[in-house]
N, C-alpha and C. Protein backbone atom coordinates (compact mmCIF):
# COMPACT_ATOMS: atom_id res chain seq x y z
N UNK A 1 0.83 -1.30 0.32
CA UNK A 1 0.08 -0.07 0.06
C UNK A 1 0.81 1.24 0.04
N UNK A 2 0.80 1.88 -0.99
CA UNK A 2 1.64 3.13 -1.22
C UNK A 2 0.95 4.17 -2.14
N UNK A 3 1.35 5.35 -1.83
CA UNK A 3 0.46 6.40 -2.71
C UNK A 3 0.84 6.34 -3.93
N UNK A 4 -0.24 6.62 -5.02
CA UNK A 4 -0.22 6.40 -6.54
C UNK A 4 1.08 7.37 -6.81
N UNK A 5 1.25 8.49 -6.18
CA UNK A 5 2.30 9.34 -6.55
C UNK A 5 3.52 8.74 -6.74
N UNK A 6 3.86 7.84 -5.69
CA UNK A 6 5.07 7.28 -5.42
C UNK A 6 5.27 5.81 -6.00
N UNK A 7 4.23 5.58 -7.22
CA UNK A 7 4.18 4.32 -7.77
C UNK A 7 3.30 3.04 -7.27
N UNK A 8 2.79 3.53 -6.27
CA UNK A 8 1.73 2.49 -5.63
C UNK A 8 0.73 2.07 -6.46
N UNK A 9 0.00 0.94 -6.34
CA UNK A 9 -0.93 0.32 -7.06
C UNK A 9 -2.17 0.10 -6.17
N UNK A 10 -2.06 -0.22 -4.99
CA UNK A 10 -3.26 -0.50 -4.01
C UNK A 10 -3.12 0.72 -2.90
N UNK A 11 -4.38 1.32 -2.90
CA UNK A 11 -4.68 2.33 -1.70
C UNK A 11 -4.86 1.42 -0.51
N UNK A 12 -4.80 2.32 0.71
CA UNK A 12 -4.82 1.89 1.99
C UNK A 12 -6.04 1.04 2.32
N UNK A 13 -7.26 1.40 1.43
CA UNK A 13 -8.62 0.81 1.51
C UNK A 13 -8.44 -0.56 0.60
N UNK A 14 -7.37 -1.10 0.31
CA UNK A 14 -7.12 -2.18 -0.63
C UNK A 14 -7.68 -2.20 -1.93
N UNK A 15 -8.04 -1.07 -2.34
CA UNK A 15 -8.59 -0.71 -3.77
C UNK A 15 -7.42 -0.64 -4.72
N UNK A 16 -7.69 -1.15 -5.84
CA UNK A 16 -6.49 -0.88 -6.94
C UNK A 16 -7.07 0.50 -7.46
N UNK A 17 -6.04 1.48 -7.46
CA UNK A 17 -5.87 2.74 -8.15
C UNK A 17 -6.69 2.50 -9.57
N UNK A 18 -7.60 3.40 -10.19
CA UNK A 18 -7.83 3.52 -11.31
C UNK A 18 -9.11 2.56 -11.59
N UNK A 19 -9.80 1.73 -10.31
CA UNK A 19 -10.59 0.95 -10.91
C UNK A 19 -11.82 1.34 -9.88
N UNK A 20 -12.99 0.83 -10.15
CA UNK A 20 -14.25 1.08 -9.20
C UNK A 20 -14.17 0.23 -7.99
N UNK A 21 -13.95 -0.93 -8.01
CA UNK A 21 -14.35 -1.99 -7.01
C UNK A 21 -13.36 -3.17 -7.16
N UNK A 22 -12.25 -3.01 -7.43
CA UNK A 22 -11.29 -4.31 -7.46
C UNK A 22 -10.34 -4.24 -6.23
N UNK A 23 -10.40 -5.07 -5.37
CA UNK A 23 -9.27 -5.09 -4.02
C UNK A 23 -8.35 -6.17 -4.18
N UNK A 24 -7.30 -6.01 -3.63
CA UNK A 24 -6.27 -6.73 -3.61
C UNK A 24 -5.98 -7.28 -1.96
N UNK A 25 -6.13 -8.64 -2.02
CA UNK A 25 -6.12 -9.21 -0.31
C UNK A 25 -4.96 -10.26 -0.46
N UNK A 26 -3.82 -9.97 -0.49
CA UNK A 26 -2.69 -10.85 -0.19
C UNK A 26 -1.53 -10.43 0.10
N UNK A 27 -0.34 -11.15 -0.05
CA UNK A 27 0.70 -10.53 0.63
C UNK A 27 1.46 -9.46 -0.10
N UNK A 28 1.02 -9.32 -1.38
CA UNK A 28 1.75 -8.24 -2.17
C UNK A 28 1.43 -6.81 -1.86
N UNK A 29 0.27 -6.74 -0.85
CA UNK A 29 0.00 -5.30 -0.44
C UNK A 29 0.90 -4.91 0.90
N UNK A 30 1.89 -5.79 1.19
CA UNK A 30 2.81 -5.33 2.40
C UNK A 30 3.73 -4.47 1.69
N UNK A 31 3.95 -3.44 2.27
CA UNK A 31 5.33 -2.58 1.83
C UNK A 31 6.58 -3.05 2.00
N UNK A 32 6.83 -4.00 3.14
CA UNK A 32 8.09 -4.50 3.44
C UNK A 32 8.11 -5.89 3.61
N UNK A 33 9.13 -6.30 3.42
CA UNK A 33 9.33 -7.82 3.34
C UNK A 33 9.52 -8.31 4.71
N UNK A 34 8.50 -9.42 5.01
CA UNK A 34 8.48 -10.02 6.52
C UNK A 34 9.35 -11.18 6.56
N UNK A 35 10.47 -11.16 7.36
CA UNK A 35 11.13 -12.48 7.48
C UNK A 35 10.63 -13.54 8.59
N UNK A 36 9.86 -14.39 8.11
CA UNK A 36 9.09 -15.30 9.02
C UNK A 36 7.79 -15.53 7.99
N UNK A 37 6.87 -16.25 9.02
CA UNK A 37 5.77 -17.03 8.60
C UNK A 37 4.81 -15.79 8.42
N UNK A 38 4.03 -15.71 7.27
CA UNK A 38 3.25 -14.79 6.69
C UNK A 38 1.77 -15.16 6.95
N UNK A 39 1.45 -16.30 7.59
CA UNK A 39 0.08 -16.81 7.78
C UNK A 39 -0.56 -15.65 8.68
N UNK A 40 -0.12 -15.24 9.85
CA UNK A 40 -0.79 -14.32 10.80
C UNK A 40 -0.98 -13.18 10.12
N UNK A 41 0.04 -12.68 9.40
CA UNK A 41 -0.01 -11.38 8.87
C UNK A 41 -1.19 -11.28 7.80
N UNK A 42 -1.46 -12.33 6.97
CA UNK A 42 -2.27 -12.49 5.77
C UNK A 42 -3.72 -12.53 6.44
N UNK A 43 -3.80 -13.39 7.56
CA UNK A 43 -5.34 -13.53 8.08
C UNK A 43 -5.71 -11.94 8.63
N UNK A 44 -4.63 -11.22 9.14
CA UNK A 44 -4.97 -9.63 9.56
C UNK A 44 -5.40 -8.99 8.37
N UNK A 45 -4.73 -9.09 7.32
CA UNK A 45 -5.06 -8.40 6.08
C UNK A 45 -6.41 -8.63 5.60
N UNK A 46 -6.66 -9.99 5.63
CA UNK A 46 -7.96 -10.33 5.17
C UNK A 46 -9.04 -10.04 6.04
N UNK A 47 -8.92 -9.93 7.35
CA UNK A 47 -9.84 -9.39 8.39
C UNK A 47 -10.18 -7.99 8.19
N UNK A 48 -9.20 -7.14 7.74
CA UNK A 48 -9.24 -5.71 7.55
C UNK A 48 -9.94 -5.43 6.36
N UNK A 49 -9.78 -6.47 5.40
CA UNK A 49 -10.41 -6.24 4.08
C UNK A 49 -11.80 -6.52 4.20
N UNK A 50 -12.10 -7.51 4.88
CA UNK A 50 -13.56 -7.82 5.10
C UNK A 50 -14.49 -6.69 5.97
N UNK A 51 -13.64 -6.05 6.83
CA UNK A 51 -14.33 -4.75 7.50
C UNK A 51 -14.52 -3.89 6.81
N UNK A 52 -13.41 -3.46 5.52
CA UNK A 52 -13.55 -2.37 4.71
C UNK A 52 -14.72 -2.71 3.80
N UNK A 53 -14.83 -3.98 3.18
CA UNK A 53 -15.95 -4.57 2.22
C UNK A 53 -17.45 -4.09 3.17
N UNK A 54 -17.51 -4.79 4.18
CA UNK A 54 -18.72 -4.40 4.91
C UNK A 54 -18.98 -2.89 5.15
N UNK A 55 -17.91 -2.16 5.53
CA UNK A 55 -18.39 -0.78 5.65
C UNK A 55 -18.69 -0.01 4.32
N UNK A 56 -17.98 -0.47 3.08
CA UNK A 56 -18.44 -0.09 1.81
C UNK A 56 -19.89 -0.32 1.54
N UNK A 57 -20.30 -1.58 1.89
CA UNK A 57 -21.69 -2.12 1.45
C UNK A 57 -22.55 -1.57 2.61
N UNK A 58 -22.28 -0.81 3.51
CA UNK A 58 -23.19 -0.58 4.54
C UNK A 58 -23.90 -1.62 5.08
N UNK A 59 -23.03 -2.83 5.44
CA UNK A 59 -23.56 -3.84 5.93
C UNK A 59 -23.88 -3.86 7.68
N UNK A 60 -25.09 -4.41 7.90
CA UNK A 60 -25.41 -4.12 9.14
C UNK A 60 -26.16 -5.53 9.71
N UNK A 61 -25.40 -6.06 10.66
CA UNK A 61 -25.81 -7.34 11.21
C UNK A 61 -27.17 -7.10 12.20
N UNK A 62 -28.06 -8.29 11.82
CA UNK A 62 -29.34 -8.01 12.87
C UNK A 62 -28.85 -7.95 14.41
N UNK A 63 -29.42 -7.38 15.28
CA UNK A 63 -29.31 -7.69 16.76
C UNK A 63 -28.97 -9.10 17.16
N UNK A 64 -30.14 -9.85 16.85
CA UNK A 64 -29.95 -11.24 17.10
C UNK A 64 -29.34 -11.91 15.86
N UNK A 65 -28.20 -12.52 15.84
CA UNK A 65 -27.43 -13.02 14.83
C UNK A 65 -28.08 -14.24 14.25
N UNK A 66 -28.68 -14.99 15.17
CA UNK A 66 -29.55 -16.23 14.57
C UNK A 66 -30.64 -16.13 13.43
N UNK A 67 -31.39 -14.96 13.71
CA UNK A 67 -32.48 -14.86 13.01
C UNK A 67 -32.62 -13.22 12.45
N UNK A 68 -33.13 -12.76 11.40
CA UNK A 68 -33.23 -11.45 10.89
C UNK A 68 -34.60 -10.95 11.54
N UNK A 69 -34.80 -9.76 11.28
CA UNK A 69 -35.97 -9.09 11.94
C UNK A 69 -37.21 -9.53 11.65
N UNK A 70 -37.57 -10.34 10.58
CA UNK A 70 -38.86 -10.96 10.31
C UNK A 70 -38.61 -12.45 10.71
N UNK A 71 -37.54 -13.16 10.89
CA UNK A 71 -37.39 -14.39 11.57
C UNK A 71 -36.65 -15.24 10.41
N UNK A 72 -36.14 -14.45 9.29
CA UNK A 72 -35.38 -15.32 8.35
C UNK A 72 -34.14 -15.36 8.87
N UNK A 73 -33.42 -16.49 8.30
CA UNK A 73 -31.86 -16.74 8.78
C UNK A 73 -31.27 -15.60 8.07
N UNK A 74 -30.65 -14.81 8.97
CA UNK A 74 -29.71 -13.79 8.70
C UNK A 74 -28.47 -13.72 7.54
N UNK A 75 -28.27 -15.28 7.18
CA UNK A 75 -27.30 -15.41 6.44
C UNK A 75 -27.95 -15.13 4.84
N UNK A 76 -29.13 -15.35 4.73
CA UNK A 76 -29.92 -15.23 3.40
C UNK A 76 -30.40 -13.93 3.35
N UNK A 77 -30.11 -12.99 4.02
CA UNK A 77 -30.56 -11.57 3.59
C UNK A 77 -29.78 -10.85 2.83
């Protein structure tokens, strides 16, 4: 993640510059090389991406996570 002026391709919101809704969620978004296992870091990037996508979609979980407001299963909403 680097500014476009410095040659970056992905914004801090993980969106590819110049596109409407394309995101990159992998180790290529890391600006420095990590010496060690990347699994935990990539999980963190994926969690961050999920939060950003939900925020963009104005996702709202129902208060009761097992059922929607009319009794539907919330996963099918």
